[in-house]
Amino acid sequence: MCSVLAIYLGYWLCSYDAVSMSMKCGDIECTFQERQPGNVYSDWTVSRRDFVSGSADQVRVNKVGEVVDVEKLNRRQKRKLLYSYQVLYNDVDANGGSDSGQQYSAVFGKFGVGRKRSKKQAQKIALYLDGEVNTLSLKESKVFTFRGAMTMILGFFSFLLCIVFGQFDDPKRKFMGPGSNNFDYKKYSTNANANGRW
């Protein structure tokens, strides 16, 4: 029973800690959707004209998903960073204008997506911003987390041990009739005489 509960708890932790970031674009605008730990969702829409031209680029992020400037870092410090990609867009006021000068960053894969993938995905966004393609769909997600995966593995391991050592087998019934080691011949003989069998 504990093994099943551990497996379920691991699955729940993976679902609870899961994170994702998606971007779906059409001719006019793009819709972003972000999922944060705790099943917290947020979505927003950005007009195609509000993106900063040439802002789609590969970036380096730390363990908490923050973009880090690597120009002043040494080689050892750079190795600790993860690869991701981002795109910038201008702040839009109530009238639909973007003259405030405020810019926001949409970072994909704050948990790291790899060097090759981050570069390839950034190039796809750049093609959309340059008008070479009119549709775009991107998504980065991380479903399995360390604590959730470890809990599930321990649950499966415990479940296998229970099967190997026969914890789910019913106890065998003891044979108490004549011929068994635990048979009381004296008591059986007395009962037989009283019942007129002998």
N, C-alpha and C. Protein backbone atom coordinates (compact mmCIF):
# COMPACT_ATOMS: atom_id res chain seq x y z
N MET A 1 0.83 -1.20 0.00
CA MET A 1 0.00 0.00 0.00
C MET A 1 0.87 1.26 0.00
N CYS A 2 1.93 1.23 0.81
CA CYS A 2 2.83 2.39 0.87
C CYS A 2 3.51 2.62 -0.47
N SER A 3 3.81 1.53 -1.19
CA SER A 3 4.46 1.66 -2.49
C SER A 3 3.55 2.38 -3.48
N VAL A 4 2.28 2.02 -3.48
CA VAL A 4 1.32 2.67 -4.38
C VAL A 4 1.17 4.14 -4.03
N LEU A 5 1.14 4.46 -2.74
CA LEU A 5 1.03 5.86 -2.32
C LEU A 5 2.27 6.65 -2.73
N ALA A 6 3.45 6.03 -2.66
CA ALA A 6 4.68 6.72 -3.06
C ALA A 6 4.67 7.01 -4.56
N ILE A 7 4.20 6.06 -5.35
CA ILE A 7 4.12 6.26 -6.80
C ILE A 7 3.15 7.40 -7.12
N TYR A 8 2.00 7.39 -6.45
CA TYR A 8 1.01 8.45 -6.68
C TYR A 8 1.55 9.81 -6.24
N LEU A 9 2.26 9.84 -5.10
CA LEU A 9 2.84 11.09 -4.62
C LEU A 9 3.88 11.62 -5.59
N GLY A 10 4.70 10.73 -6.16
CA GLY A 10 5.68 11.15 -7.15
C GLY A 10 5.04 11.73 -8.39
N TYR A 11 3.95 11.09 -8.83
CA TYR A 11 3.22 11.60 -9.99
C TYR A 11 2.62 12.98 -9.69
N TRP A 12 2.09 13.14 -8.48
CA TRP A 12 1.48 14.41 -8.10
C TRP A 12 2.53 15.51 -8.02
N LEU A 13 3.71 15.19 -7.48
CA LEU A 13 4.77 16.17 -7.39
C LEU A 13 5.25 16.61 -8.77
N CYS A 14 5.35 15.65 -9.71
CA CYS A 14 5.76 16.00 -11.07
C CYS A 14 4.74 16.94 -11.71
N SER A 15 3.46 16.64 -11.48
CA SER A 15 2.41 17.49 -12.04
C SER A 15 2.39 18.86 -11.37
N TYR A 16 2.64 18.89 -10.06
CA TYR A 16 2.59 20.15 -9.32
C TYR A 16 3.76 21.06 -9.69
N ASP A 17 4.92 20.49 -9.91
CA ASP A 17 6.13 21.27 -10.19
C ASP A 17 6.37 21.50 -11.68
N ALA A 18 5.50 20.98 -12.53
CA ALA A 18 5.70 21.10 -13.97
C ALA A 18 5.66 22.56 -14.42
N VAL A 19 6.51 22.90 -15.37
CA VAL A 19 6.56 24.26 -15.92
C VAL A 19 6.55 24.17 -17.44
N SER A 20 6.01 25.20 -18.07
CA SER A 20 5.98 25.23 -19.54
C SER A 20 5.81 26.67 -20.02
N MET A 21 6.15 26.86 -21.30
CA MET A 21 6.01 28.16 -21.94
C MET A 21 5.71 27.91 -23.41
N SER A 22 4.63 28.49 -23.90
CA SER A 22 4.24 28.28 -25.30
C SER A 22 3.97 29.62 -25.98
N MET A 23 4.11 29.59 -27.29
CA MET A 23 3.89 30.79 -28.11
C MET A 23 3.24 30.36 -29.42
N LYS A 24 2.04 30.87 -29.68
CA LYS A 24 1.32 30.58 -30.92
C LYS A 24 1.02 31.88 -31.64
N CYS A 25 1.49 31.97 -32.87
CA CYS A 25 1.39 33.22 -33.61
C CYS A 25 0.63 33.04 -34.92
N GLY A 26 -0.08 34.10 -35.27
CA GLY A 26 -0.76 34.18 -36.56
C GLY A 26 -0.30 35.39 -37.31
N ASP A 27 -1.09 35.85 -38.26
CA ASP A 27 -0.70 36.99 -39.07
C ASP A 27 -0.61 38.29 -38.28
N ILE A 28 -1.46 38.42 -37.25
CA ILE A 28 -1.59 39.70 -36.57
C ILE A 28 -0.96 39.70 -35.19
N GLU A 29 -1.11 38.63 -34.43
CA GLU A 29 -0.68 38.64 -33.03
C GLU A 29 -0.20 37.27 -32.58
N CYS A 30 0.40 37.26 -31.39
CA CYS A 30 0.90 36.03 -30.78
C CYS A 30 0.30 35.88 -29.39
N THR A 31 0.00 34.66 -29.04
CA THR A 31 -0.55 34.35 -27.72
C THR A 31 0.47 33.54 -26.94
N PHE A 32 0.79 34.03 -25.75
CA PHE A 32 1.73 33.34 -24.87
C PHE A 32 0.95 32.67 -23.73
N GLN A 33 1.43 31.53 -23.33
CA GLN A 33 0.87 30.86 -22.15
C GLN A 33 2.01 30.28 -21.33
N GLU A 34 2.03 30.61 -20.05
CA GLU A 34 3.08 30.15 -19.15
C GLU A 34 2.47 29.39 -17.98
N ARG A 35 3.08 28.26 -17.68
CA ARG A 35 2.67 27.47 -16.52
C ARG A 35 3.81 27.45 -15.51
N GLN A 36 3.50 27.84 -14.29
CA GLN A 36 4.49 27.89 -13.23
C GLN A 36 4.20 26.82 -12.18
N PRO A 37 5.17 26.49 -11.33
CA PRO A 37 4.94 25.48 -10.29
C PRO A 37 3.72 25.81 -9.43
N GLY A 38 2.96 24.78 -9.11
CA GLY A 38 1.73 24.98 -8.36
C GLY A 38 0.51 25.08 -9.25
N ASN A 39 0.66 24.68 -10.54
CA ASN A 39 -0.43 24.74 -11.52
C ASN A 39 -0.97 26.16 -11.68
N VAL A 40 -0.05 27.13 -11.71
CA VAL A 40 -0.43 28.53 -11.91
C VAL A 40 -0.23 28.88 -13.39
N TYR A 41 -1.31 29.28 -14.04
CA TYR A 41 -1.28 29.59 -15.47
C TYR A 41 -1.44 31.10 -15.68
N SER A 42 -0.77 31.60 -16.70
CA SER A 42 -0.93 32.99 -17.12
C SER A 42 -0.80 33.05 -18.63
N ASP A 43 -1.62 33.86 -19.25
CA ASP A 43 -1.56 34.00 -20.71
C ASP A 43 -1.76 35.47 -21.09
N TRP A 44 -1.14 35.85 -22.18
CA TRP A 44 -1.24 37.22 -22.67
C TRP A 44 -1.02 37.23 -24.18
N THR A 45 -1.45 38.31 -24.79
CA THR A 45 -1.38 38.44 -26.25
C THR A 45 -0.52 39.66 -26.61
N VAL A 46 0.32 39.48 -27.61
CA VAL A 46 1.20 40.56 -28.08
C VAL A 46 0.98 40.73 -29.58
N SER A 47 0.75 41.97 -29.98
CA SER A 47 0.60 42.25 -31.41
C SER A 47 1.92 42.06 -32.13
N ARG A 48 1.85 41.66 -33.35
CA ARG A 48 3.07 41.39 -34.13
C ARG A 48 3.93 42.63 -34.26
N ARG A 49 3.31 43.78 -34.35
CA ARG A 49 4.06 45.03 -34.53
C ARG A 49 4.76 45.48 -33.26
N ASP A 50 4.37 44.91 -32.11
CA ASP A 50 4.94 45.33 -30.84
C ASP A 50 6.21 44.57 -30.47
N PHE A 51 6.57 43.57 -31.24
CA PHE A 51 7.83 42.88 -30.97
C PHE A 51 9.02 43.75 -31.38
N VAL A 52 10.08 43.63 -30.61
CA VAL A 52 11.29 44.37 -30.92
C VAL A 52 12.05 43.63 -32.01
N SER A 53 12.29 44.31 -33.11
CA SER A 53 12.95 43.68 -34.24
C SER A 53 14.36 43.23 -33.87
N GLY A 54 14.69 42.00 -34.23
CA GLY A 54 16.01 41.46 -33.96
C GLY A 54 16.26 41.06 -32.51
N SER A 55 15.18 40.98 -31.71
CA SER A 55 15.36 40.68 -30.29
C SER A 55 15.34 39.18 -29.99
N ALA A 56 14.95 38.36 -30.94
CA ALA A 56 14.94 36.91 -30.73
C ALA A 56 16.38 36.41 -30.73
N ASP A 57 16.79 35.86 -29.60
CA ASP A 57 18.19 35.48 -29.50
C ASP A 57 18.38 34.39 -28.46
N GLN A 58 19.48 33.70 -28.59
CA GLN A 58 19.87 32.69 -27.60
C GLN A 58 20.44 33.38 -26.37
N VAL A 59 20.06 32.93 -25.18
CA VAL A 59 20.53 33.54 -23.94
C VAL A 59 20.98 32.46 -22.97
N ARG A 60 21.66 32.90 -21.93
CA ARG A 60 22.08 31.99 -20.86
C ARG A 60 21.30 32.34 -19.60
N VAL A 61 20.82 31.33 -18.91
CA VAL A 61 20.03 31.53 -17.70
C VAL A 61 20.65 30.76 -16.54
N ASN A 62 20.38 31.22 -15.32
CA ASN A 62 20.85 30.51 -14.14
C ASN A 62 19.82 29.46 -13.72
N LYS A 63 20.02 28.88 -12.56
CA LYS A 63 19.16 27.78 -12.12
C LYS A 63 17.73 28.21 -11.81
N VAL A 64 17.52 29.49 -11.55
CA VAL A 64 16.18 29.99 -11.26
C VAL A 64 15.53 30.63 -12.49
N GLY A 65 16.18 30.52 -13.65
CA GLY A 65 15.58 31.00 -14.88
C GLY A 65 15.83 32.45 -15.21
N GLU A 66 16.76 33.10 -14.54
CA GLU A 66 17.05 34.50 -14.81
C GLU A 66 18.11 34.62 -15.90
N VAL A 67 17.90 35.54 -16.83
CA VAL A 67 18.85 35.76 -17.91
C VAL A 67 20.10 36.43 -17.35
N VAL A 68 21.26 35.90 -17.72
CA VAL A 68 22.53 36.38 -17.19
C VAL A 68 23.40 36.90 -18.33
N ASP A 69 24.01 38.06 -18.11
CA ASP A 69 24.96 38.63 -19.07
C ASP A 69 26.30 37.93 -18.88
N VAL A 70 26.76 37.27 -19.92
CA VAL A 70 27.96 36.43 -19.79
C VAL A 70 29.25 37.16 -20.21
N GLU A 71 29.15 38.42 -20.57
CA GLU A 71 30.33 39.13 -21.05
C GLU A 71 31.42 39.26 -19.99
N LYS A 72 31.01 39.45 -18.74
CA LYS A 72 31.98 39.65 -17.67
C LYS A 72 32.26 38.38 -16.87
N LEU A 73 31.76 37.25 -17.34
CA LEU A 73 31.96 35.99 -16.62
C LEU A 73 33.13 35.22 -17.21
N ASN A 74 33.80 34.48 -16.37
CA ASN A 74 34.89 33.64 -16.85
C ASN A 74 34.33 32.32 -17.37
N ARG A 75 35.21 31.47 -17.88
CA ARG A 75 34.77 30.23 -18.49
C ARG A 75 34.12 29.30 -17.47
N ARG A 76 34.64 29.26 -16.28
CA ARG A 76 34.08 28.37 -15.25
C ARG A 76 32.68 28.80 -14.85
N GLN A 77 32.45 30.11 -14.75
CA GLN A 77 31.14 30.62 -14.40
C GLN A 77 30.12 30.38 -15.52
N LYS A 78 30.58 30.45 -16.76
CA LYS A 78 29.68 30.23 -17.89
C LYS A 78 29.19 28.78 -17.95
N ARG A 79 30.03 27.85 -17.53
CA ARG A 79 29.66 26.44 -17.59
C ARG A 79 28.49 26.10 -16.68
N LYS A 80 28.31 26.90 -15.64
CA LYS A 80 27.22 26.64 -14.70
C LYS A 80 25.87 27.12 -15.22
N LEU A 81 25.89 27.91 -16.29
CA LEU A 81 24.65 28.47 -16.84
C LEU A 81 24.02 27.53 -17.86
N LEU A 82 22.72 27.71 -18.06
CA LEU A 82 21.96 26.90 -18.99
C LEU A 82 21.65 27.70 -20.26
N TYR A 83 21.33 26.99 -21.32
CA TYR A 83 20.99 27.63 -22.59
C TYR A 83 19.47 27.76 -22.73
N SER A 84 19.05 28.94 -23.16
CA SER A 84 17.64 29.18 -23.40
C SER A 84 17.52 30.22 -24.53
N TYR A 85 16.33 30.75 -24.75
CA TYR A 85 16.13 31.79 -25.77
C TYR A 85 14.99 32.70 -25.35
N GLN A 86 14.99 33.90 -25.89
CA GLN A 86 13.99 34.89 -25.51
C GLN A 86 13.62 35.78 -26.69
N VAL A 87 12.54 36.54 -26.49
CA VAL A 87 12.13 37.55 -27.46
C VAL A 87 11.59 38.73 -26.66
N LEU A 88 11.88 39.94 -27.13
CA LEU A 88 11.45 41.16 -26.44
C LEU A 88 10.26 41.77 -27.15
N TYR A 89 9.40 42.39 -26.36
CA TYR A 89 8.26 43.12 -26.93
C TYR A 89 8.01 44.38 -26.11
N ASN A 90 7.46 45.40 -26.78
CA ASN A 90 7.23 46.69 -26.16
C ASN A 90 5.97 46.69 -25.30
N ASP A 91 5.99 47.54 -24.31
CA ASP A 91 4.81 47.72 -23.46
C ASP A 91 3.73 48.45 -24.26
N VAL A 92 2.50 48.02 -24.08
CA VAL A 92 1.37 48.62 -24.81
C VAL A 92 0.50 49.36 -23.82
N ASP A 93 0.21 50.64 -24.10
CA ASP A 93 -0.63 51.42 -23.19
C ASP A 93 -2.10 51.18 -23.48
N ALA A 94 -2.95 51.90 -22.78
CA ALA A 94 -4.40 51.70 -22.90
C ALA A 94 -4.91 52.05 -24.30
N ASN A 95 -4.22 52.93 -25.00
CA ASN A 95 -4.65 53.33 -26.33
C ASN A 95 -4.06 52.47 -27.44
N GLY A 96 -3.32 51.45 -27.04
CA GLY A 96 -2.75 50.57 -28.04
C GLY A 96 -1.39 51.01 -28.54
N GLY A 97 -0.84 52.05 -27.94
CA GLY A 97 0.46 52.53 -28.36
C GLY A 97 1.58 51.88 -27.59
N SER A 98 2.79 52.03 -28.08
CA SER A 98 3.96 51.42 -27.43
C SER A 98 5.08 52.45 -27.30
N ASP A 99 4.71 53.65 -26.82
CA ASP A 99 5.67 54.75 -26.72
C ASP A 99 6.25 54.91 -25.32
N SER A 100 5.90 54.01 -24.40
CA SER A 100 6.38 54.16 -23.03
C SER A 100 7.85 53.82 -22.88
N GLY A 101 8.40 53.10 -23.80
CA GLY A 101 9.80 52.72 -23.73
C GLY A 101 10.06 51.49 -22.89
N GLN A 102 9.03 50.98 -22.23
CA GLN A 102 9.17 49.79 -21.40
C GLN A 102 9.14 48.54 -22.28
N GLN A 103 10.08 47.64 -22.02
CA GLN A 103 10.14 46.39 -22.78
C GLN A 103 10.07 45.20 -21.83
N TYR A 104 9.46 44.14 -22.32
CA TYR A 104 9.34 42.91 -21.56
C TYR A 104 10.02 41.77 -22.31
N SER A 105 10.40 40.79 -21.56
CA SER A 105 11.10 39.64 -22.14
C SER A 105 10.29 38.36 -21.91
N ALA A 106 10.10 37.63 -22.95
CA ALA A 106 9.47 36.31 -22.85
C ALA A 106 10.57 35.27 -22.99
N VAL A 107 10.91 34.62 -21.87
CA VAL A 107 11.99 33.65 -21.85
C VAL A 107 11.41 32.24 -21.93
N PHE A 108 11.90 31.48 -22.88
CA PHE A 108 11.44 30.11 -23.06
C PHE A 108 12.44 29.15 -22.42
N GLY A 109 11.92 28.14 -21.78
CA GLY A 109 12.81 27.13 -21.21
C GLY A 109 13.73 27.68 -20.16
N LYS A 110 13.17 28.28 -19.11
CA LYS A 110 14.00 28.81 -18.03
C LYS A 110 14.81 27.72 -17.34
N PHE A 111 14.41 26.47 -17.56
CA PHE A 111 15.11 25.33 -16.97
C PHE A 111 16.23 24.83 -17.88
N GLY A 112 16.40 25.46 -19.06
CA GLY A 112 17.45 25.04 -19.99
C GLY A 112 16.93 24.07 -21.02
N VAL A 113 17.19 24.35 -22.29
CA VAL A 113 16.71 23.49 -23.37
C VAL A 113 17.85 22.98 -24.25
N GLY A 114 19.06 23.33 -23.92
CA GLY A 114 20.19 22.87 -24.71
C GLY A 114 20.68 23.93 -25.69
N ARG A 115 21.92 23.82 -26.05
CA ARG A 115 22.55 24.83 -26.90
C ARG A 115 21.98 24.82 -28.33
N LYS A 116 21.89 23.66 -28.94
CA LYS A 116 21.41 23.58 -30.33
C LYS A 116 19.95 23.96 -30.45
N ARG A 117 19.11 23.45 -29.53
CA ARG A 117 17.67 23.72 -29.62
C ARG A 117 17.37 25.20 -29.39
N SER A 118 18.04 25.80 -28.42
CA SER A 118 17.78 27.21 -28.14
C SER A 118 18.14 28.09 -29.34
N LYS A 119 19.22 27.76 -30.00
CA LYS A 119 19.62 28.53 -31.18
C LYS A 119 18.64 28.33 -32.33
N LYS A 120 18.18 27.11 -32.51
CA LYS A 120 17.25 26.80 -33.60
C LYS A 120 15.89 27.47 -33.36
N GLN A 121 15.40 27.43 -32.13
CA GLN A 121 14.11 28.04 -31.82
C GLN A 121 14.17 29.56 -31.94
N ALA A 122 15.28 30.16 -31.54
CA ALA A 122 15.43 31.60 -31.68
C ALA A 122 15.42 32.02 -33.15
N GLN A 123 15.99 31.20 -34.01
CA GLN A 123 15.97 31.48 -35.44
C GLN A 123 14.56 31.43 -36.01
N LYS A 124 13.72 30.53 -35.48
CA LYS A 124 12.32 30.45 -35.94
C LYS A 124 11.57 31.72 -35.59
N ILE A 125 11.80 32.23 -34.37
CA ILE A 125 11.13 33.48 -33.97
C ILE A 125 11.62 34.64 -34.83
N ALA A 126 12.91 34.66 -35.14
CA ALA A 126 13.47 35.72 -35.97
C ALA A 126 12.84 35.73 -37.35
N LEU A 127 12.59 34.57 -37.91
CA LEU A 127 11.93 34.49 -39.22
C LEU A 127 10.53 35.08 -39.17
N TYR A 128 9.84 34.84 -38.06
CA TYR A 128 8.48 35.39 -37.91
C TYR A 128 8.53 36.91 -37.76
N LEU A 129 9.48 37.40 -36.98
CA LEU A 129 9.58 38.85 -36.79
C LEU A 129 9.97 39.56 -38.08
N ASP A 130 10.76 38.90 -38.90
CA ASP A 130 11.18 39.49 -40.18
C ASP A 130 10.12 39.37 -41.26
N GLY A 131 9.02 38.70 -40.98
CA GLY A 131 7.94 38.58 -41.95
C GLY A 131 8.13 37.47 -42.97
N GLU A 132 9.09 36.61 -42.76
CA GLU A 132 9.32 35.52 -43.71
C GLU A 132 8.33 34.37 -43.53
N VAL A 133 7.76 34.24 -42.34
CA VAL A 133 6.69 33.26 -42.09
C VAL A 133 5.58 33.99 -41.35
N ASN A 134 4.34 33.52 -41.50
CA ASN A 134 3.19 34.17 -40.89
C ASN A 134 2.55 33.35 -39.77
N THR A 135 3.04 32.18 -39.55
CA THR A 135 2.55 31.35 -38.45
C THR A 135 3.74 30.79 -37.68
N LEU A 136 3.52 30.59 -36.40
CA LEU A 136 4.59 30.07 -35.55
C LEU A 136 3.99 29.42 -34.32
N SER A 137 4.55 28.29 -33.93
CA SER A 137 4.08 27.57 -32.75
C SER A 137 5.28 26.96 -32.04
N LEU A 138 5.52 27.41 -30.83
CA LEU A 138 6.65 26.93 -30.03
C LEU A 138 6.17 26.57 -28.63
N LYS A 139 6.81 25.57 -28.06
CA LYS A 139 6.49 25.19 -26.68
C LYS A 139 7.68 24.49 -26.04
N GLU A 140 7.99 24.91 -24.82
CA GLU A 140 9.02 24.27 -24.01
C GLU A 140 8.38 23.87 -22.68
N SER A 141 8.63 22.66 -22.25
CA SER A 141 8.03 22.18 -21.01
C SER A 141 8.97 21.26 -20.26
N LYS A 142 8.78 21.21 -18.99
CA LYS A 142 9.53 20.31 -18.11
C LYS A 142 8.52 19.64 -17.18
N VAL A 143 8.29 18.35 -17.44
CA VAL A 143 7.26 17.63 -16.69
C VAL A 143 7.85 16.93 -15.48
N PHE A 144 8.96 16.22 -15.68
CA PHE A 144 9.55 15.44 -14.59
C PHE A 144 10.53 16.31 -13.80
N THR A 145 10.28 16.42 -12.51
CA THR A 145 11.16 17.13 -11.61
C THR A 145 11.95 16.13 -10.78
N PHE A 146 13.00 16.61 -10.15
CA PHE A 146 13.89 15.71 -9.41
C PHE A 146 13.18 15.01 -8.26
N ARG A 147 12.50 15.77 -7.42
CA ARG A 147 11.87 15.15 -6.26
C ARG A 147 10.69 14.26 -6.65
N GLY A 148 9.96 14.65 -7.71
CA GLY A 148 8.86 13.80 -8.16
C GLY A 148 9.36 12.51 -8.77
N ALA A 149 10.40 12.61 -9.60
CA ALA A 149 10.96 11.42 -10.23
C ALA A 149 11.57 10.47 -9.20
N MET A 150 12.29 11.01 -8.21
CA MET A 150 12.90 10.17 -7.19
C MET A 150 11.85 9.48 -6.34
N THR A 151 10.75 10.16 -6.03
CA THR A 151 9.67 9.54 -5.26
C THR A 151 9.02 8.40 -6.03
N MET A 152 8.82 8.60 -7.33
CA MET A 152 8.23 7.54 -8.15
C MET A 152 9.17 6.34 -8.26
N ILE A 153 10.47 6.60 -8.41
CA ILE A 153 11.44 5.51 -8.52
C ILE A 153 11.49 4.70 -7.22
N LEU A 154 11.49 5.39 -6.09
CA LEU A 154 11.48 4.68 -4.81
C LEU A 154 10.21 3.88 -4.62
N GLY A 155 9.09 4.43 -5.10
CA GLY A 155 7.83 3.69 -5.01
C GLY A 155 7.84 2.44 -5.85
N PHE A 156 8.33 2.54 -7.07
CA PHE A 156 8.42 1.36 -7.95
C PHE A 156 9.39 0.33 -7.38
N PHE A 157 10.51 0.80 -6.85
CA PHE A 157 11.49 -0.11 -6.27
C PHE A 157 10.91 -0.86 -5.07
N SER A 158 10.20 -0.14 -4.23
CA SER A 158 9.55 -0.78 -3.08
C SER A 158 8.49 -1.77 -3.53
N PHE A 159 7.75 -1.43 -4.57
CA PHE A 159 6.72 -2.33 -5.10
C PHE A 159 7.33 -3.62 -5.64
N LEU A 160 8.46 -3.50 -6.33
CA LEU A 160 9.13 -4.69 -6.85
C LEU A 160 9.66 -5.58 -5.73
N LEU A 161 10.17 -4.95 -4.67
CA LEU A 161 10.65 -5.73 -3.53
C LEU A 161 9.51 -6.50 -2.87
N CYS A 162 8.36 -5.88 -2.80
CA CYS A 162 7.21 -6.57 -2.22
C CYS A 162 6.82 -7.78 -3.05
N ILE A 163 6.91 -7.65 -4.36
CA ILE A 163 6.57 -8.78 -5.23
C ILE A 163 7.60 -9.89 -5.09
N VAL A 164 8.89 -9.51 -5.06
CA VAL A 164 9.97 -10.51 -4.98
C VAL A 164 9.89 -11.31 -3.69
N PHE A 165 9.63 -10.64 -2.59
CA PHE A 165 9.60 -11.32 -1.29
C PHE A 165 8.21 -11.83 -0.92
N GLY A 166 7.27 -11.76 -1.87
CA GLY A 166 5.97 -12.40 -1.68
C GLY A 166 5.08 -11.74 -0.65
N GLN A 167 5.12 -10.43 -0.57
CA GLN A 167 4.27 -9.76 0.40
C GLN A 167 2.80 -9.76 0.01
N PHE A 168 2.53 -10.01 -1.27
CA PHE A 168 1.14 -10.01 -1.72
C PHE A 168 0.55 -11.41 -1.79
N ASP A 169 1.33 -12.42 -1.42
CA ASP A 169 0.83 -13.78 -1.45
C ASP A 169 0.04 -14.08 -0.19
N ASP A 170 -1.07 -14.85 -0.32
CA ASP A 170 -1.85 -15.26 0.84
C ASP A 170 -1.08 -16.31 1.63
N PRO A 171 -1.13 -16.27 2.97
CA PRO A 171 -0.44 -17.30 3.75
C PRO A 171 -1.04 -18.66 3.51
N LYS A 172 -0.16 -19.66 3.40
CA LYS A 172 -0.61 -21.02 3.13
C LYS A 172 -1.28 -21.61 4.36
N ARG A 173 -2.37 -22.34 4.15
CA ARG A 173 -3.07 -22.99 5.24
C ARG A 173 -2.31 -24.22 5.70
N LYS A 174 -2.27 -24.41 7.01
CA LYS A 174 -1.57 -25.54 7.57
C LYS A 174 -2.46 -26.78 7.53
N PHE A 175 -1.88 -27.89 7.11
CA PHE A 175 -2.60 -29.16 7.06
C PHE A 175 -2.49 -29.82 8.43
N MET A 176 -3.66 -30.05 9.07
CA MET A 176 -3.69 -30.59 10.43
C MET A 176 -4.22 -32.00 10.49
N GLY A 177 -4.40 -32.63 9.34
CA GLY A 177 -4.94 -33.98 9.32
C GLY A 177 -3.89 -35.04 9.59
N PRO A 178 -4.30 -36.31 9.57
CA PRO A 178 -3.34 -37.40 9.78
C PRO A 178 -2.22 -37.35 8.77
N GLY A 179 -1.01 -37.55 9.26
CA GLY A 179 0.16 -37.51 8.40
C GLY A 179 0.94 -36.22 8.51
N SER A 180 0.33 -35.19 9.12
CA SER A 180 1.05 -33.93 9.27
C SER A 180 1.86 -33.96 10.55
N ASN A 181 2.85 -33.10 10.62
CA ASN A 181 3.74 -33.06 11.79
C ASN A 181 3.04 -32.52 13.02
N ASN A 182 2.00 -31.70 12.82
CA ASN A 182 1.31 -31.08 13.94
C ASN A 182 0.05 -31.83 14.36
N PHE A 183 -0.15 -33.04 13.85
CA PHE A 183 -1.38 -33.78 14.14
C PHE A 183 -1.30 -34.43 15.51
N ASP A 184 -2.34 -34.23 16.29
CA ASP A 184 -2.41 -34.78 17.65
C ASP A 184 -3.15 -36.11 17.60
N TYR A 185 -2.41 -37.22 17.52
CA TYR A 185 -3.02 -38.55 17.41
C TYR A 185 -3.78 -38.93 18.68
N LYS A 186 -3.28 -38.52 19.84
CA LYS A 186 -3.93 -38.88 21.10
C LYS A 186 -5.31 -38.25 21.21
N LYS A 187 -5.40 -36.94 20.85
CA LYS A 187 -6.68 -36.24 20.91
C LYS A 187 -7.64 -36.79 19.87
N TYR A 188 -7.11 -37.16 18.70
CA TYR A 188 -7.96 -37.70 17.64
C TYR A 188 -8.51 -39.06 18.05
N SER A 189 -7.66 -39.86 18.73
CA SER A 189 -8.10 -41.18 19.17
C SER A 189 -9.17 -41.08 20.22
N THR A 190 -9.06 -40.13 21.14
CA THR A 190 -10.06 -39.95 22.21
C THR A 190 -11.40 -39.51 21.62
N ASN A 191 -11.37 -38.58 20.68
CA ASN A 191 -12.60 -38.12 20.07
C ASN A 191 -13.27 -39.21 19.25
N ALA A 192 -12.45 -40.03 18.63
CA ALA A 192 -13.01 -41.11 17.81
C ALA A 192 -13.71 -42.15 18.67
N ASN A 193 -13.11 -42.48 19.82
CA ASN A 193 -13.76 -43.45 20.73
C ASN A 193 -15.05 -42.91 21.28
N ALA A 194 -15.07 -41.59 21.60
CA ALA A 194 -16.28 -41.00 22.17
C ALA A 194 -17.40 -40.97 21.16
N ASN A 195 -17.09 -40.87 19.90
CA ASN A 195 -18.10 -40.85 18.85
C ASN A 195 -18.45 -42.21 18.34
N GLY A 196 -17.83 -43.23 18.90
CA GLY A 196 -18.14 -44.61 18.49
C GLY A 196 -17.56 -45.01 17.16
N ARG A 197 -16.46 -44.30 16.75
CA ARG A 197 -15.84 -44.66 15.47
C ARG A 197 -14.97 -45.89 15.63
N TRP A 198 -14.39 -46.08 16.82
CA TRP A 198 -13.52 -47.21 17.05
C TRP A 198 -14.20 -48.18 17.99
